[in-house]
Amino acid sequence: MTEKILSNRKNGMLALFLTIIGLVGSIVAIVFGGIILDGGGLPILFIAGLIVLFIGWIPLLGLKVLKPQEALVLTLFGKYVGTLKGDGFYYVNPFCVAVNPASRTKLSQSGDVKSVSIAGVSANGTAMNVEIPEKKLSLKIMTLNNSRQKINDCLGNPIEIGIAVTWRIVDTAKAVFNVDNYKEFLSLQCDSALRNIVRIYPYDVAPNVDTTGDGVADEGSLRGSSEIVAARIRDEIQLRVDEAGIEIVEARITYLAYATEIAAVMLQRQQASAIIDARKMIVDGAVSMVEMALDRLKENNVVELDDERKAAMVSNLLVVLCGNRDAQPIVNSGSLY
């Protein structure tokens, strides 16, 4: 289906003016025809005025008003005739019908559903509101925020992830006729693409994991490579929604966490990893400080230390530098031997 834009129909004001003139003329014809009829004249003017008055309102159905970034997809007796795009006052065939299969669909997104509410009274006398769905298609950039999903990463760990997708319609004919409901279609494709991409990455950096498909292990992860992951999710969604005439502007990860059933265990794992890294840094620093102390004592000839005294000094310094608590000094007033 190819989009056909009706760009030469901005003559709604002229059509409205001519229709009003026709209706006023029909009323005048009825009045003067009735006077002539009473005087024994020809009744054709009266009959013509009645006919025009009864059918003269039909051209008003062809008047269409569009605001910026709005479109109307029109069909005539089931055949696609074209799309009105851009702001203006249009006039089309009065029997054309606007089509928007997603007019009643409500998703978690911005600018989702617009409807006109009409107050009325039902047959039993109770008040009621009738909502008429808006048949216009919005060409603005909208944001779809699907519900969070629980997905297993490449290591099998269950995680919860949510994304926000900004999108817009670029081909109204494809959006209306190529898929049954373009909003639901987009939502399902977002979920499917998200699952396919998340299964490639680990939550955090893990050894021997290839996330790019080149056969070489890398440091890609959902937590550390969010920009790359978001770009791949966007490209994956775009491939799936091209047939629906939709352009994916951007996809962003809005929520990322371990699933509740393993969150506590993974937190302990992260804490243990942090403690190990901190201890490693402390030990490295302590060893370098001990080496520096021994070298300085030897260079300045402060004291001559044999191997046993050096071992005792290294032991004491490492205990002081690597301990969790403040050291309690013990003064040795005697000899080491």
Protein backbone atom coordinates (compact mmCIF):
# COMPACT_ATOMS: atom_id res chain seq x y z
CA MET A 1 0.00 0.00 0.00
CA THR A 2 1.44 3.36 -1.11
CA GLU A 3 0.50 6.60 0.59
CA LYS A 4 -1.25 9.13 -1.65
CA ILE A 5 -1.42 12.67 -0.30
CA LEU A 6 -4.38 14.86 -1.30
CA SER A 7 -2.70 18.25 -1.42
CA ASN A 8 -5.20 20.10 -3.69
CA ARG A 9 -8.26 19.88 -1.46
CA LYS A 10 -7.81 23.03 0.65
CA ASN A 11 -11.02 24.58 -0.64
CA GLY A 12 -13.22 24.00 2.36
CA MET A 13 -14.10 27.67 2.81
CA LEU A 14 -15.35 27.94 -0.80
CA ALA A 15 -17.39 24.75 -0.44
CA LEU A 16 -18.90 26.02 2.81
CA PHE A 17 -19.78 29.36 1.23
CA LEU A 18 -21.44 27.73 -1.79
CA THR A 19 -23.36 25.29 0.40
CA ILE A 20 -24.73 28.12 2.57
CA ILE A 21 -25.75 30.04 -0.57
CA GLY A 22 -27.52 26.94 -1.86
CA LEU A 23 -29.44 26.41 1.37
CA VAL A 24 -30.43 30.07 1.56
CA GLY A 25 -31.48 29.95 -2.09
CA SER A 26 -33.61 26.85 -1.45
CA ILE A 27 -35.43 28.64 1.38
CA VAL A 28 -36.07 31.64 -0.86
CA ALA A 29 -37.31 29.31 -3.62
CA ILE A 30 -39.70 27.60 -1.19
CA VAL A 31 -41.10 30.93 0.02
CA PHE A 32 -41.59 32.42 -3.45
CA GLY A 33 -42.75 29.09 -4.87
CA GLY A 34 -45.42 28.88 -2.20
CA ILE A 35 -46.63 32.41 -2.99
CA ILE A 36 -46.78 31.68 -6.69
CA LEU A 37 -48.49 28.38 -5.97
CA ASP A 38 -51.23 30.16 -4.05
CA GLY A 39 -51.68 32.50 -7.00
CA GLY A 40 -52.01 29.61 -9.43
CA GLY A 41 -48.41 29.71 -10.73
CA LEU A 42 -46.01 26.83 -11.55
CA PRO A 43 -45.08 24.68 -8.53
CA ILE A 44 -41.67 23.68 -9.94
CA LEU A 45 -39.84 26.40 -7.97
CA PHE A 46 -41.40 25.21 -4.70
CA ILE A 47 -40.54 21.55 -5.39
CA ALA A 48 -36.95 22.37 -6.42
CA GLY A 49 -36.46 24.41 -3.25
CA LEU A 50 -37.67 21.51 -1.09
CA ILE A 51 -35.34 19.06 -2.83
CA VAL A 52 -32.32 21.32 -2.41
CA LEU A 53 -33.20 21.97 1.24
CA PHE A 54 -33.49 18.23 2.02
CA ILE A 55 -30.21 17.22 0.36
CA GLY A 56 -28.28 20.48 0.65
CA TRP A 57 -26.72 19.48 3.98
CA ILE A 58 -24.89 16.51 2.46
CA PRO A 59 -21.92 18.58 1.13
CA LEU A 60 -21.26 19.70 4.71
CA LEU A 61 -20.10 16.14 5.47
CA GLY A 62 -17.13 16.68 3.17
CA LEU A 63 -15.67 19.53 5.21
CA LYS A 64 -12.57 18.51 7.18
CA VAL A 65 -10.44 20.63 9.52
CA LEU A 66 -6.90 19.52 10.40
CA LYS A 67 -4.44 20.98 12.86
CA PRO A 68 -0.63 20.79 12.44
CA GLN A 69 0.81 17.25 12.62
CA GLU A 70 -2.54 15.57 11.97
CA ALA A 71 -3.71 13.36 9.11
CA LEU A 72 -6.89 11.74 7.84
CA VAL A 73 -6.89 8.49 5.86
CA LEU A 74 -9.96 8.47 3.58
CA THR A 75 -11.76 5.61 1.86
CA LEU A 76 -14.64 5.80 -0.60
CA PHE A 77 -16.90 2.73 -0.61
CA GLY A 78 -14.01 0.63 0.74
CA LYS A 79 -11.34 1.95 -1.64
CA TYR A 80 -8.40 4.01 -0.42
CA VAL A 81 -8.57 7.44 -2.07
CA GLY A 82 -5.82 9.35 -0.26
CA THR A 83 -4.56 11.03 2.89
CA LEU A 84 -5.04 14.60 4.07
CA LYS A 85 -1.91 15.96 5.74
CA GLY A 86 -1.09 19.37 7.16
CA ASP A 87 -3.19 22.04 8.78
CA GLY A 88 -6.03 23.57 6.80
CA PHE A 89 -9.72 23.54 5.88
CA TYR A 90 -10.38 20.78 3.35
CA TYR A 91 -13.28 19.65 1.23
CA VAL A 92 -13.54 16.07 -0.02
CA ASN A 93 -16.24 13.79 -1.34
CA PRO A 94 -19.01 13.81 1.32
CA PHE A 95 -19.23 10.02 1.16
CA CYS A 96 -15.55 9.53 2.08
CA VAL A 97 -15.00 7.84 5.43
CA ALA A 98 -11.99 8.41 7.69
CA VAL A 99 -10.27 5.21 8.87
CA ASN A 100 -8.27 4.73 12.06
CA PRO A 101 -8.35 1.14 13.39
CA ALA A 102 -6.41 2.12 16.54
CA SER A 103 -8.76 4.92 17.55
CA ARG A 104 -10.07 2.98 20.59
CA THR A 105 -6.76 1.44 21.62
CA LYS A 106 -5.31 2.66 24.90
CA LEU A 107 -1.68 2.02 25.73
CA SER A 108 0.75 3.44 28.29
CA GLN A 109 1.92 6.25 26.04
CA SER A 110 1.67 9.96 25.56
CA GLY A 111 -1.07 11.43 23.37
CA ASP A 112 -2.74 8.06 23.15
CA VAL A 113 -6.49 8.43 22.67
CA LYS A 114 -8.60 11.45 21.87
CA SER A 115 -12.37 11.20 21.86
CA VAL A 116 -15.32 13.53 21.71
CA SER A 117 -17.84 13.14 24.53
CA ILE A 118 -21.49 13.90 23.80
CA ALA A 119 -24.02 14.12 26.62
CA GLY A 120 -27.43 12.61 26.03
CA VAL A 121 -30.42 10.86 27.55
CA SER A 122 -31.10 7.15 27.16
CA ALA A 123 -34.48 5.59 26.39
CA ASN A 124 -35.30 5.11 30.08
CA GLY A 125 -34.54 8.74 30.90
CA THR A 126 -31.10 8.33 32.50
CA ALA A 127 -28.23 10.60 31.53
CA MET A 128 -25.42 9.08 29.48
CA ASN A 129 -22.23 10.16 27.71
CA VAL A 130 -21.40 8.82 24.28
CA GLU A 131 -17.72 8.92 23.30
CA ILE A 132 -16.90 9.20 19.61
CA PRO A 133 -13.32 8.07 18.87
CA GLU A 134 -11.11 10.53 17.03
CA LYS A 135 -10.42 9.28 13.51
CA LYS A 136 -7.46 11.58 12.94
CA LEU A 137 -3.96 10.14 13.02
CA SER A 138 -1.37 12.01 15.04
CA LEU A 139 1.95 12.53 13.23
CA LYS A 140 3.64 13.86 16.36
CA ILE A 141 6.42 12.05 18.16
CA MET A 142 4.88 9.91 20.89
CA THR A 143 6.38 7.89 23.73
CA LEU A 144 5.38 4.30 24.44
CA ASN A 145 6.22 3.00 27.92
CA ASN A 146 5.49 -0.70 28.01
CA SER A 147 5.18 -2.62 31.27
CA ARG A 148 8.30 -4.13 32.81
CA GLN A 149 9.29 -7.58 31.63
CA LYS A 150 11.05 -10.43 33.40
CA ILE A 151 13.71 -11.84 31.06
CA ASN A 152 16.65 -14.18 31.52
CA ASP A 153 20.00 -12.70 30.50
CA CYS A 154 22.66 -14.70 28.66
CA LEU A 155 23.78 -16.29 31.95
CA GLY A 156 20.25 -17.38 32.84
CA ASN A 157 19.76 -14.81 35.61
CA PRO A 158 16.20 -13.43 35.69
CA ILE A 159 16.11 -9.64 35.45
CA GLU A 160 13.37 -7.04 35.22
CA ILE A 161 13.71 -4.44 32.49
CA GLY A 162 11.54 -1.67 31.07
CA ILE A 163 12.01 0.56 28.04
CA ALA A 164 10.53 3.79 26.69
CA VAL A 165 10.20 4.01 22.91
CA THR A 166 9.63 7.29 21.07
CA TRP A 167 7.98 6.82 17.68
CA ARG A 168 5.89 8.49 15.01
CA ILE A 169 3.89 7.59 11.91
CA VAL A 170 5.64 8.34 8.62
CA ASP A 171 3.36 6.44 6.22
CA THR A 172 -0.33 6.66 7.09
CA ALA A 173 -1.47 4.17 4.44
CA LYS A 174 0.85 1.44 5.76
CA ALA A 175 -0.12 2.17 9.36
CA VAL A 176 -3.83 1.84 8.64
CA PHE A 177 -3.99 -0.91 6.01
CA ASN A 178 -0.86 -3.09 6.41
CA VAL A 179 -1.54 -4.08 10.03
CA ASP A 180 -4.75 -4.62 11.93
CA ASN A 181 -3.92 -2.20 14.77
CA TYR A 182 -0.66 -0.30 14.54
CA LYS A 183 -0.54 0.58 18.26
CA GLU A 184 -0.91 -3.01 19.44
CA PHE A 185 1.46 -4.13 16.69
CA LEU A 186 4.12 -1.68 17.89
CA SER A 187 3.68 -2.69 21.53
CA LEU A 188 4.08 -6.41 20.77
CA GLN A 189 7.11 -5.83 18.55
CA CYS A 190 8.75 -3.76 21.29
CA ASP A 191 8.34 -6.63 23.75
CA SER A 192 9.67 -9.20 21.27
CA ALA A 193 12.68 -7.11 20.25
CA LEU A 194 13.51 -6.39 23.89
CA ARG A 195 13.59 -10.11 24.71
CA ASN A 196 15.82 -10.93 21.75
CA ILE A 197 18.41 -8.29 22.62
CA VAL A 198 18.46 -8.78 26.41
CA ARG A 199 19.19 -12.51 26.00
CA ILE A 200 22.49 -11.63 24.33
CA TYR A 201 23.91 -9.61 27.25
CA PRO A 202 24.71 -10.41 30.88
CA TYR A 203 23.41 -8.09 33.55
CA ASP A 204 26.95 -7.20 34.60
CA VAL A 205 30.34 -7.81 33.03
CA ALA A 206 31.08 -11.54 32.89
CA PRO A 207 34.14 -13.38 31.52
CA ASN A 208 34.03 -15.43 28.31
CA VAL A 209 30.83 -13.81 27.00
CA ASP A 210 30.52 -12.67 23.40
CA THR A 211 27.82 -10.01 22.98
CA THR A 212 28.76 -8.78 19.49
CA GLY A 213 28.75 -12.09 17.62
CA ASP A 214 32.36 -11.83 16.40
CA GLY A 215 33.52 -14.85 18.43
CA VAL A 216 35.63 -12.74 20.81
CA ALA A 217 34.72 -12.26 24.45
CA ASP A 218 34.05 -8.64 25.39
CA GLU A 219 32.95 -6.54 28.33
CA GLY A 220 29.43 -5.74 27.11
CA SER A 221 26.67 -5.76 29.71
CA LEU A 222 23.19 -4.40 30.27
CA ARG A 223 24.34 -2.23 33.15
CA GLY A 224 27.58 -0.95 31.67
CA SER A 225 26.66 -0.72 27.97
CA SER A 226 23.20 0.81 28.22
CA GLU A 227 23.72 3.12 25.22
CA ILE A 228 24.80 0.28 22.94
CA VAL A 229 21.99 -1.97 24.15
CA ALA A 230 19.41 0.79 23.62
CA ALA A 231 20.68 1.40 20.07
CA ARG A 232 20.42 -2.31 19.25
CA ILE A 233 16.91 -2.46 20.68
CA ARG A 234 15.90 0.53 18.55
CA ASP A 235 17.31 -1.05 15.37
CA GLU A 236 15.60 -4.35 16.14
CA ILE A 237 12.22 -2.67 16.64
CA GLN A 238 12.65 -0.59 13.48
CA LEU A 239 13.17 -3.71 11.37
CA ARG A 240 9.94 -5.16 12.70
CA VAL A 241 7.70 -2.08 12.24
CA ASP A 242 8.82 -0.88 8.81
CA GLU A 243 5.79 -2.56 7.24
CA ALA A 244 3.53 -0.55 9.54
CA GLY A 245 4.86 2.81 8.35
CA ILE A 246 6.32 3.66 11.78
CA GLU A 247 9.67 5.29 12.51
CA ILE A 248 11.39 4.53 15.81
CA VAL A 249 13.11 7.72 16.92
CA GLU A 250 14.73 6.42 20.09
CA ALA A 251 14.60 3.60 22.61
CA ARG A 252 15.83 4.00 26.19
CA ILE A 253 16.10 1.65 29.15
CA THR A 254 14.01 3.11 31.98
CA TYR A 255 14.29 0.32 34.56
CA LEU A 256 16.88 -2.40 35.11
CA ALA A 257 17.21 -4.65 38.14
CA TYR A 258 17.58 -8.26 39.16
CA ALA A 259 14.32 -10.12 39.71
CA THR A 260 13.13 -10.19 43.31
CA GLU A 261 13.84 -13.91 43.76
CA ILE A 262 17.59 -13.46 43.24
CA ALA A 263 18.04 -9.79 44.13
CA ALA A 264 19.24 -10.52 47.69
CA VAL A 265 21.75 -13.15 46.55
CA MET A 266 23.12 -10.90 43.81
CA LEU A 267 23.45 -8.05 46.31
CA GLN A 268 25.56 -10.27 48.58
CA ARG A 269 27.64 -11.25 45.57
CA GLN A 270 28.25 -7.61 44.68
CA GLN A 271 29.13 -6.81 48.28
CA ALA A 272 31.58 -9.71 48.41
CA SER A 273 33.16 -8.62 45.13
CA ALA A 274 33.51 -5.07 46.43
CA ILE A 275 35.12 -6.31 49.67
CA ILE A 276 37.59 -8.46 47.72
CA ASP A 277 38.53 -5.58 45.47
CA ALA A 278 38.98 -3.27 48.44
CA ARG A 279 41.13 -5.81 50.31
CA LYS A 280 43.26 -6.33 47.23
CA MET A 281 43.87 -2.62 46.96
CA ILE A 282 44.75 -2.40 50.67
CA VAL A 283 47.21 -5.30 50.45
CA ASP A 284 48.89 -3.86 47.36
CA GLY A 285 49.28 -0.52 49.08
CA ALA A 286 50.56 -2.10 52.29
CA VAL A 287 53.20 -4.17 50.48
CA SER A 288 54.46 -1.15 48.58
CA MET A 289 54.65 0.85 51.83
CA VAL A 290 56.62 -1.93 53.56
CA GLU A 291 59.04 -2.12 50.64
CA MET A 292 59.48 1.64 50.75
CA ALA A 293 60.11 1.57 54.53
CA LEU A 294 62.77 -1.15 54.26
CA ASP A 295 64.50 0.62 51.38
CA ARG A 296 64.57 3.95 53.23
CA LEU A 297 65.99 2.35 56.39
CA LYS A 298 68.70 0.66 54.35
CA GLU A 299 69.59 3.78 52.37
CA ASN A 300 69.87 6.03 55.44
CA ASN A 301 71.70 3.40 57.54
CA VAL A 302 69.25 3.94 60.36
CA VAL A 303 69.46 0.38 61.63
CA GLU A 304 70.93 -2.90 60.48
CA LEU A 305 68.28 -5.59 60.25
CA ASP A 306 68.90 -9.26 59.71
CA ASP A 307 66.37 -11.50 58.01
CA GLU A 308 64.54 -12.40 61.22
CA ARG A 309 64.11 -8.76 62.28
CA LYS A 310 63.01 -7.83 58.76
CA ALA A 311 60.37 -10.58 58.89
CA ALA A 312 59.12 -9.34 62.25
CA MET A 313 58.99 -5.75 61.02
CA VAL A 314 57.13 -6.75 57.83
CA SER A 315 54.65 -8.74 59.89
CA ASN A 316 53.99 -5.86 62.26
CA LEU A 317 53.61 -3.31 59.44
CA LEU A 318 51.21 -5.53 57.47
CA VAL A 319 49.09 -6.09 60.58
CA VAL A 320 48.90 -2.35 61.19
CA LEU A 321 48.23 -1.38 57.56
CA CYS A 322 45.78 -4.19 56.69
CA GLY A 323 43.86 -4.45 59.94
CA ASN A 324 40.23 -3.41 60.28
CA ARG A 325 40.82 -1.79 63.66
CA ASP A 326 43.35 0.60 65.08
CA ALA A 327 46.52 -1.15 66.17
CA GLN A 328 47.35 -1.39 69.90
CA PRO A 329 51.11 -0.73 70.21
CA ILE A 330 53.18 -2.91 72.51
CA VAL A 331 56.51 -1.48 73.63
CA ASN A 332 59.27 -4.05 73.75
CA SER A 333 61.82 -2.94 76.32
CA GLY A 334 63.97 -6.02 76.01
CA SER A 335 65.84 -7.75 73.28
CA LEU A 336 64.20 -9.57 70.42
CA TYR A 337 66.14 -12.72 71.37
